[in-house]
């Protein structure tokens, strides 16, 4: 999936940006989990090959540690971030 994957800012307050690169057109699922592993939010969208950037509103998340899971094709990556 992603040759480069980045989440910023970290720590975050209202929004996080996730940037990644895809080799081919494909659907991507992005899910957010709290530190206990509970699913907070999830979305699946189709993306074209190339560089991608998506902004997510996390203002409703309580302060604490979270995980963003990015799944494309058979590849899964997880990023940890802090919500202030």
Foldseek 3Di string as FASTA:
>chain_A
DFPDWDWDDFAEEFKIKIKGFAQAWWKKKKWKAAPVRHTDDMDIDIDGGTIDMDMDTPNVPDWDKMKIWMDTDPDIDIDIGTHD
